[in-house]
N, C-alpha and C. Protein backbone atom coordinates (compact mmCIF):
# COMPACT_ATOMS: atom_id res chain seq x y z
N UNK A 1 -54.51 3.22 -28.19
CA UNK A 1 -53.84 2.82 -26.94
C UNK A 1 -55.00 3.43 -26.08
N UNK A 2 -55.22 2.64 -24.92
CA UNK A 2 -56.16 2.93 -23.80
C UNK A 2 -55.64 4.10 -23.13
N UNK A 3 -56.53 4.76 -22.26
CA UNK A 3 -56.33 5.81 -21.78
C UNK A 3 -55.33 5.58 -20.24
N UNK A 4 -55.65 4.39 -19.77
CA UNK A 4 -55.13 3.93 -18.50
C UNK A 4 -53.42 3.76 -19.23
N UNK A 5 -53.36 3.08 -20.35
CA UNK A 5 -52.12 2.89 -20.81
C UNK A 5 -51.09 4.10 -21.02
N UNK A 6 -51.83 5.06 -21.83
CA UNK A 6 -51.41 6.48 -21.75
C UNK A 6 -50.93 7.24 -20.61
N UNK A 7 -51.85 7.11 -19.60
CA UNK A 7 -51.49 7.61 -18.24
C UNK A 7 -50.42 7.07 -17.62
N UNK A 8 -50.24 5.81 -17.66
CA UNK A 8 -48.97 4.96 -17.19
C UNK A 8 -47.79 5.30 -17.78
N UNK A 9 -47.95 5.40 -19.03
CA UNK A 9 -46.54 6.08 -19.82
C UNK A 9 -46.26 7.20 -19.40
N UNK A 10 -47.07 8.43 -19.38
CA UNK A 10 -46.79 9.57 -18.98
C UNK A 10 -45.85 9.67 -17.39
N UNK A 11 -46.65 8.95 -16.48
CA UNK A 11 -46.25 8.64 -14.98
C UNK A 11 -44.82 8.41 -14.85
N UNK A 12 -44.76 7.20 -15.74
CA UNK A 12 -43.30 6.56 -16.07
C UNK A 12 -42.26 7.43 -16.75
N UNK A 13 -42.49 8.17 -17.52
CA UNK A 13 -41.69 9.29 -17.99
C UNK A 13 -41.56 10.30 -17.35
N UNK A 14 -42.64 10.91 -16.40
CA UNK A 14 -42.29 11.63 -15.44
C UNK A 14 -41.44 11.41 -14.34
N UNK A 15 -41.46 10.06 -13.73
CA UNK A 15 -40.54 9.72 -12.84
C UNK A 15 -39.00 9.47 -13.18
N UNK A 16 -39.14 9.13 -14.34
CA UNK A 16 -37.80 8.98 -15.22
C UNK A 16 -37.10 10.24 -15.35
N UNK A 17 -37.80 11.29 -15.77
CA UNK A 17 -37.41 12.90 -15.99
C UNK A 17 -37.05 13.11 -14.54
N UNK A 18 -37.57 13.14 -13.45
CA UNK A 18 -37.25 13.37 -12.05
C UNK A 18 -35.94 12.80 -12.02
N UNK A 19 -35.67 11.27 -12.07
CA UNK A 19 -34.46 10.63 -11.63
C UNK A 19 -33.31 11.08 -12.38
N UNK A 20 -33.51 11.40 -13.63
CA UNK A 20 -32.39 11.71 -14.37
C UNK A 20 -32.03 13.07 -13.86
N UNK A 21 -32.84 13.97 -13.52
CA UNK A 21 -32.47 15.40 -13.06
C UNK A 21 -31.75 14.88 -11.73
N UNK A 22 -32.14 14.23 -10.85
CA UNK A 22 -31.70 13.71 -9.55
C UNK A 22 -30.31 13.43 -9.85
N UNK A 23 -30.05 12.52 -10.70
CA UNK A 23 -28.82 11.98 -11.15
C UNK A 23 -27.89 13.01 -11.46
N UNK A 24 -28.18 14.33 -12.57
CA UNK A 24 -27.54 15.23 -13.27
C UNK A 24 -26.89 15.86 -11.72
N UNK A 25 -27.85 16.28 -10.90
CA UNK A 25 -27.27 17.24 -9.99
C UNK A 25 -26.40 16.42 -9.04
N UNK A 26 -26.69 15.24 -8.80
CA UNK A 26 -25.79 14.33 -7.88
C UNK A 26 -24.38 14.16 -8.44
N UNK A 27 -24.22 13.69 -9.75
CA UNK A 27 -22.97 13.66 -10.53
C UNK A 27 -22.22 14.86 -10.57
N UNK A 28 -22.77 16.13 -10.81
CA UNK A 28 -22.02 17.65 -10.71
C UNK A 28 -21.35 17.45 -9.40
N UNK A 29 -21.76 17.07 -8.26
CA UNK A 29 -21.45 16.90 -6.71
C UNK A 29 -20.17 15.96 -6.72
N UNK A 30 -20.34 14.79 -7.50
CA UNK A 30 -19.47 13.63 -7.09
C UNK A 30 -18.12 13.85 -8.20
N UNK A 31 -18.15 14.21 -8.59
CA UNK A 31 -16.87 15.05 -9.88
C UNK A 31 -17.09 14.11 -10.70
N UNK A 32 -18.28 13.66 -11.39
CA UNK A 32 -18.54 12.79 -12.43
C UNK A 32 -18.22 11.57 -12.27
N UNK A 33 -18.59 10.84 -11.19
CA UNK A 33 -18.38 9.45 -10.57
C UNK A 33 -19.49 8.68 -10.76
N UNK A 34 -19.46 7.80 -12.14
CA UNK A 34 -20.81 7.08 -12.36
C UNK A 34 -21.46 6.17 -11.15
N UNK A 35 -20.54 5.24 -10.76
CA UNK A 35 -20.98 4.20 -10.07
C UNK A 35 -21.46 4.70 -8.70
N UNK A 36 -20.60 5.83 -8.05
CA UNK A 36 -21.14 6.21 -6.84
C UNK A 36 -22.37 7.15 -6.96
N UNK A 37 -22.20 7.77 -8.12
CA UNK A 37 -23.41 8.61 -8.35
C UNK A 37 -24.87 7.68 -8.47
N UNK A 38 -24.74 6.73 -9.37
CA UNK A 38 -25.78 5.68 -9.48
C UNK A 38 -26.41 4.78 -7.87
N UNK A 39 -25.02 4.79 -7.41
CA UNK A 39 -25.83 4.17 -5.83
C UNK A 39 -26.73 5.37 -4.75
N UNK A 40 -26.15 6.39 -5.01
CA UNK A 40 -26.67 7.81 -4.18
C UNK A 40 -27.88 8.07 -4.84
N UNK A 41 -28.43 7.65 -6.08
CA UNK A 41 -29.68 8.17 -6.68
C UNK A 41 -30.48 6.77 -6.78
N UNK A 42 -30.14 5.64 -6.44
CA UNK A 42 -30.63 4.55 -6.68
C UNK A 42 -31.11 3.92 -7.79
N UNK A 43 -30.17 3.80 -8.76
CA UNK A 43 -30.35 3.32 -10.09
C UNK A 43 -29.22 2.42 -10.40
N UNK A 44 -29.40 1.44 -11.57
CA UNK A 44 -27.88 0.73 -11.74
C UNK A 44 -27.05 1.40 -12.86
N UNK A 45 -25.90 1.24 -12.95
CA UNK A 45 -24.97 1.57 -13.71
C UNK A 45 -25.72 1.50 -15.37
N UNK A 46 -26.26 -0.05 -15.60
CA UNK A 46 -26.75 -0.08 -16.78
C UNK A 46 -27.92 0.88 -17.19
N UNK A 47 -28.95 1.27 -16.02
CA UNK A 47 -29.73 2.28 -16.38
C UNK A 47 -29.20 3.49 -16.61
N UNK A 48 -28.14 3.91 -16.11
CA UNK A 48 -27.33 5.04 -16.39
C UNK A 48 -27.15 5.11 -17.99
N UNK A 49 -26.39 3.88 -18.20
CA UNK A 49 -25.69 3.87 -19.45
C UNK A 49 -27.00 3.74 -20.77
N UNK A 50 -28.26 3.34 -20.47
CA UNK A 50 -29.28 3.26 -21.10
C UNK A 50 -29.74 4.76 -21.45
N UNK A 51 -29.82 5.30 -20.26
CA UNK A 51 -30.15 6.77 -20.76
C UNK A 51 -29.25 7.68 -21.14
N UNK A 52 -27.94 7.48 -20.83
CA UNK A 52 -26.79 8.00 -21.80
C UNK A 52 -26.97 7.80 -23.30
N UNK A 53 -27.36 6.47 -23.62
CA UNK A 53 -27.31 6.10 -25.06
C UNK A 53 -28.38 6.36 -25.60
N UNK A 54 -29.72 6.77 -24.92
CA UNK A 54 -30.86 6.61 -25.76
C UNK A 54 -31.22 8.09 -25.63
N UNK A 55 -30.94 9.07 -24.78
CA UNK A 55 -31.32 10.42 -24.42
C UNK A 55 -30.31 11.66 -24.49
N UNK A 56 -30.22 12.12 -25.93
CA UNK A 56 -29.14 12.95 -26.36
C UNK A 56 -29.09 14.25 -25.30
N UNK A 57 -30.13 14.47 -24.81
CA UNK A 57 -29.96 15.75 -23.97
C UNK A 57 -29.53 15.33 -22.52
N UNK A 58 -29.45 14.11 -22.10
CA UNK A 58 -29.04 13.91 -20.80
C UNK A 58 -27.58 13.38 -21.03
N UNK A 59 -27.29 12.83 -22.41
CA UNK A 59 -25.94 12.55 -22.74
C UNK A 59 -24.95 13.83 -22.53
N UNK A 60 -25.68 15.05 -23.15
CA UNK A 60 -25.06 16.06 -23.43
C UNK A 60 -24.66 16.71 -21.81
N UNK A 61 -25.56 16.72 -20.82
CA UNK A 61 -25.55 17.38 -19.72
C UNK A 61 -24.41 16.33 -18.95
N UNK A 62 -24.31 15.10 -19.31
CA UNK A 62 -23.48 14.36 -18.33
C UNK A 62 -22.11 14.58 -19.22
N UNK A 63 -22.04 14.72 -20.43
CA UNK A 63 -20.67 15.23 -21.06
C UNK A 63 -20.32 16.69 -20.36
N UNK A 64 -21.21 17.56 -20.29
CA UNK A 64 -20.46 18.84 -19.83
C UNK A 64 -19.82 18.82 -18.25
N UNK A 65 -20.65 17.96 -17.58
CA UNK A 65 -20.57 17.84 -16.21
C UNK A 65 -18.96 17.22 -16.30
N UNK A 66 -18.69 15.91 -16.97
CA UNK A 66 -17.48 15.13 -17.05
C UNK A 66 -16.50 16.42 -17.57
N UNK A 67 -16.49 17.26 -18.54
CA UNK A 67 -15.68 18.27 -18.87
C UNK A 67 -15.40 19.39 -17.67
N UNK A 68 -16.42 19.54 -16.93
CA UNK A 68 -16.36 20.59 -15.78
C UNK A 68 -15.46 19.87 -14.73
N UNK A 69 -15.44 18.30 -14.42
CA UNK A 69 -14.57 17.66 -13.52
C UNK A 69 -13.32 17.71 -14.11
N UNK A 70 -12.83 17.57 -15.28
CA UNK A 70 -11.60 17.53 -15.88
C UNK A 70 -11.18 18.90 -15.48
N UNK A 71 -11.91 20.21 -15.76
CA UNK A 71 -11.48 21.38 -15.82
C UNK A 71 -10.75 21.42 -14.30
N UNK A 72 -11.56 20.95 -13.16
CA UNK A 72 -11.60 21.38 -12.02
C UNK A 72 -10.23 20.65 -11.56
N UNK A 73 -9.67 19.46 -11.93
CA UNK A 73 -8.73 18.43 -11.59
C UNK A 73 -7.53 19.15 -12.04
N UNK A 74 -7.70 19.78 -13.34
CA UNK A 74 -6.59 20.41 -13.89
C UNK A 74 -6.21 21.35 -13.59
N UNK A 75 -7.12 22.22 -12.86
CA UNK A 75 -6.59 23.52 -11.95
C UNK A 75 -5.88 22.89 -10.93
N UNK A 76 -6.15 21.97 -10.26
CA UNK A 76 -5.39 21.82 -9.12
C UNK A 76 -3.85 21.11 -9.56
N UNK A 77 -4.08 20.57 -10.36
CA UNK A 77 -2.52 20.13 -11.38
C UNK A 77 -1.85 21.19 -11.16
N UNK A 78 -1.92 22.30 -12.14
CA UNK A 78 -1.37 23.70 -12.12
C UNK A 78 -1.37 24.50 -10.93
N UNK A 79 -2.08 24.39 -9.92
CA UNK A 79 -1.83 25.06 -8.49
C UNK A 79 -0.43 24.20 -7.97
N UNK A 80 -0.77 22.76 -7.85
CA UNK A 80 0.48 21.85 -7.28
C UNK A 80 1.67 22.38 -8.16
N UNK A 81 1.56 22.54 -9.68
CA UNK A 81 2.85 22.65 -10.41
C UNK A 81 3.69 24.06 -9.77
N UNK A 82 2.28 25.10 -9.51
CA UNK A 82 2.97 26.49 -9.04
C UNK A 82 3.47 26.45 -7.81
N UNK A 83 3.12 25.49 -6.70
CA UNK A 83 3.71 25.15 -5.43
C UNK A 83 5.00 24.35 -5.54
N UNK A 84 5.60 24.08 -7.13
CA UNK A 84 6.52 23.50 -6.65
C UNK A 84 6.65 22.03 -6.88
N UNK A 85 5.36 20.99 -6.45
CA UNK A 85 5.23 19.78 -6.34
C UNK A 85 5.98 18.89 -7.47
N UNK A 86 6.97 18.50 -7.29
CA UNK A 86 8.04 17.57 -8.22
C UNK A 86 7.20 16.48 -8.69
N UNK A 87 5.97 15.90 -7.93
CA UNK A 87 5.34 14.86 -8.78
C UNK A 87 4.52 15.32 -9.64
N UNK A 88 4.00 16.66 -9.47
CA UNK A 88 3.02 17.00 -10.24
C UNK A 88 3.57 17.41 -11.73
N UNK A 89 4.99 17.74 -11.12
CA UNK A 89 5.72 18.19 -12.60
C UNK A 89 6.32 17.42 -13.55
N UNK A 90 6.66 16.23 -12.57
CA UNK A 90 6.78 14.88 -13.68
C UNK A 90 5.75 14.44 -14.16
N UNK A 91 4.46 14.58 -13.47
CA UNK A 91 3.21 13.81 -14.22
C UNK A 91 2.86 14.93 -15.31
N UNK A 92 2.74 15.87 -15.14
CA UNK A 92 2.77 16.90 -16.38
C UNK A 92 3.64 16.75 -17.63
N UNK A 93 4.88 16.48 -17.23
CA UNK A 93 5.79 16.29 -18.44
C UNK A 93 5.45 15.25 -19.02
N UNK A 94 5.13 13.97 -18.24
CA UNK A 94 4.94 12.79 -18.94
C UNK A 94 3.79 12.82 -19.75
N UNK A 95 2.70 13.34 -19.44
CA UNK A 95 1.48 13.23 -19.98
C UNK A 95 1.13 14.81 -21.04
N UNK A 96 1.82 15.59 -20.82
CA UNK A 96 1.57 16.80 -21.77
C UNK A 96 2.67 17.21 -22.68
N UNK A 97 3.78 16.50 -22.23
CA UNK A 97 5.21 17.25 -23.18
C UNK A 97 5.78 15.81 -23.86
N UNK A 98 4.76 14.70 -24.18
CA UNK A 98 5.57 13.84 -25.08
C UNK A 98 6.42 14.14 -26.34
N UNK A 99 5.69 15.43 -26.94
CA UNK A 99 6.58 15.51 -28.10
C UNK A 99 8.00 16.38 -27.76
N UNK A 100 8.44 16.47 -26.41
CA UNK A 100 9.55 17.00 -26.11
C UNK A 100 10.20 15.91 -25.59
N UNK A 101 9.80 14.56 -25.59
CA UNK A 101 10.74 13.28 -25.14
C UNK A 101 10.41 13.34 -23.45
N UNK A 102 9.58 13.75 -23.04
CA UNK A 102 9.32 13.51 -21.62
C UNK A 102 7.90 12.26 -21.65
N UNK A 103 8.52 11.23 -21.83
CA UNK A 103 7.82 9.75 -21.70
C UNK A 103 8.50 8.67 -21.63
N UNK A 104 7.57 8.02 -20.80
CA UNK A 104 8.50 6.72 -20.58
C UNK A 104 7.77 5.73 -21.33
N UNK A 105 8.75 4.59 -21.75
CA UNK A 105 8.06 3.87 -22.95
C UNK A 105 9.19 2.74 -23.09
N UNK A 106 8.78 1.46 -23.19
CA UNK A 106 9.83 0.86 -24.04
C UNK A 106 9.48 0.38 -25.45
N UNK A 107 10.84 0.61 -25.88
CA UNK A 107 10.76 0.34 -27.76
C UNK A 107 11.30 -0.95 -27.74
N UNK A 108 10.41 -1.51 -28.53
CA UNK A 108 10.82 -2.81 -28.89
C UNK A 108 11.12 -2.79 -30.45
N UNK A 109 10.96 -1.86 -31.07
CA UNK A 109 11.81 -1.48 -32.30
C UNK A 109 12.26 -0.08 -32.53
N UNK A 110 13.05 0.18 -33.64
CA UNK A 110 13.66 1.46 -33.86
C UNK A 110 12.70 2.18 -34.67
N UNK A 111 13.22 3.26 -35.03
CA UNK A 111 12.78 3.91 -35.90
C UNK A 111 12.35 3.40 -37.13
N UNK A 112 10.83 3.80 -37.56
CA UNK A 112 10.35 2.89 -38.78
C UNK A 112 10.08 1.36 -38.47
N UNK A 113 10.14 0.74 -37.42
CA UNK A 113 9.98 -0.67 -37.18
C UNK A 113 10.98 -1.30 -37.26
N UNK A 114 12.41 -0.82 -37.55
CA UNK A 114 13.28 -1.54 -37.77
C UNK A 114 13.96 -2.08 -36.43
N UNK A 115 14.72 -2.91 -36.38
CA UNK A 115 15.35 -3.46 -35.13
C UNK A 115 16.14 -2.54 -34.47
N UNK A 116 16.06 -2.42 -32.99
CA UNK A 116 16.88 -1.34 -32.15
C UNK A 116 18.40 -1.65 -32.36
N UNK A 117 18.77 -2.83 -32.51
CA UNK A 117 20.12 -3.19 -32.98
C UNK A 117 20.34 -3.93 -34.15
N UNK A 118 21.31 -3.42 -34.88
CA UNK A 118 21.27 -4.03 -36.12
C UNK A 118 21.57 -5.90 -36.01
N UNK A 119 21.31 -6.63 -36.66
CA UNK A 119 21.70 -8.16 -36.60
C UNK A 119 23.23 -7.89 -37.34
N UNK A 120 24.11 -8.89 -36.76
CA UNK A 120 25.12 -8.57 -37.16
C UNK A 120 25.89 -10.30 -37.13
N UNK A 121 26.29 -10.71 -38.55
CA UNK A 121 26.82 -11.80 -38.44
C UNK A 121 28.26 -12.17 -38.23
N UNK A 122 28.84 -12.97 -37.33
CA UNK A 122 30.13 -13.23 -36.91
C UNK A 122 30.58 -14.22 -37.54
N UNK A 123 31.86 -14.04 -38.59
CA UNK A 123 32.73 -15.21 -38.88
C UNK A 123 33.52 -15.89 -37.70
N UNK A 124 32.99 -17.03 -37.42
CA UNK A 124 34.09 -17.69 -36.45
C UNK A 124 35.33 -17.89 -36.51
N UNK A 125 35.48 -18.28 -37.93
CA UNK A 125 36.85 -18.81 -38.37
C UNK A 125 37.90 -17.44 -38.14
N UNK A 126 37.42 -16.23 -37.95
CA UNK A 126 38.16 -15.01 -37.47
C UNK A 126 38.36 -14.85 -36.39
N UNK A 127 37.90 -15.58 -35.36
CA UNK A 127 38.29 -15.35 -33.82
C UNK A 127 39.30 -16.11 -33.64
N UNK A 128 39.99 -15.69 -32.74
CA UNK A 128 41.33 -16.27 -32.07
C UNK A 128 40.80 -17.40 -31.24
N UNK A 129 41.79 -18.21 -30.86
CA UNK A 129 41.56 -19.35 -29.68
C UNK A 129 40.67 -19.04 -28.51
N UNK A 130 41.35 -17.73 -28.02
CA UNK A 130 40.67 -17.26 -26.80
C UNK A 130 39.26 -16.79 -26.79
N UNK A 131 39.27 -16.18 -27.98
CA UNK A 131 37.73 -15.60 -28.14
C UNK A 131 36.89 -17.05 -28.63
N UNK A 132 37.21 -17.86 -29.28
CA UNK A 132 36.55 -19.25 -29.32
C UNK A 132 36.13 -19.88 -28.06
N UNK A 133 37.11 -19.84 -27.11
CA UNK A 133 37.09 -20.74 -25.76
C UNK A 133 36.13 -19.79 -24.97
N UNK A 134 36.06 -18.25 -24.83
CA UNK A 134 34.95 -17.58 -24.30
C UNK A 134 33.64 -17.84 -24.57
N UNK A 135 33.48 -17.66 -26.33
CA UNK A 135 32.19 -18.04 -26.57
C UNK A 135 31.63 -19.32 -26.31
N UNK A 136 32.38 -20.48 -26.47
CA UNK A 136 31.99 -21.52 -25.92
C UNK A 136 31.73 -21.78 -24.54
N UNK A 137 32.48 -21.09 -23.80
CA UNK A 137 32.13 -21.34 -22.19
C UNK A 137 30.92 -20.14 -21.86
N UNK A 138 30.66 -19.23 -22.42
CA UNK A 138 29.65 -18.44 -22.34
C UNK A 138 28.23 -19.80 -22.94
N UNK A 139 28.38 -20.03 -24.10
CA UNK A 139 27.58 -21.11 -24.46
C UNK A 139 27.11 -22.08 -23.55
N UNK A 140 28.03 -22.60 -22.95
CA UNK A 140 27.85 -23.95 -22.16
C UNK A 140 27.15 -23.38 -20.55
N UNK A 141 27.39 -22.32 -20.16
CA UNK A 141 26.82 -21.94 -18.96
C UNK A 141 25.29 -21.67 -19.18
N UNK A 142 25.14 -21.04 -20.42
CA UNK A 142 23.85 -20.99 -20.88
C UNK A 142 22.86 -22.18 -20.84
N UNK A 143 23.53 -23.06 -21.56
CA UNK A 143 23.11 -24.58 -21.54
C UNK A 143 22.62 -25.11 -20.35
N UNK A 144 23.58 -24.93 -19.52
CA UNK A 144 23.60 -25.52 -18.15
C UNK A 144 22.57 -24.71 -17.13
N UNK A 145 22.55 -23.60 -17.53
CA UNK A 145 21.25 -22.90 -16.76
C UNK A 145 20.23 -23.28 -16.78
N UNK A 146 19.85 -23.58 -18.17
CA UNK A 146 18.42 -23.80 -18.84
C UNK A 146 18.30 -25.30 -18.08
N UNK A 147 19.13 -26.29 -18.15
CA UNK A 147 18.79 -27.53 -17.36
C UNK A 147 18.25 -27.66 -16.20
């Protein structure tokens, strides 16, 4: 390789190293927000992700900052809980206490994937005339709604 090409590569690597360092410093101050940090240091998000995927040292620093940001937010959550903030109490219970039943979810199946309500066959011949009329009326109302 020619000496000029080697010098150009070194210059590019030095600039990139400097930009990565600038990114890491700004990233820590931004509470680990990728897009805003990219704008601040003048790179695109794809550049960030290329660096992240290709440079294990850079990736480790990014991951460390992300964990510190999570710790900071978690500390604020605990502070709000200590202050009796009902919203934070509910949030904490829903996210950290699922094993105790504090969870909002819709169940479409019951235990082990079985139906929530057991299917039940009705023997129409056992219905009284009143029950048959009521059932017929419900059916007719449903049919009329769908028309």
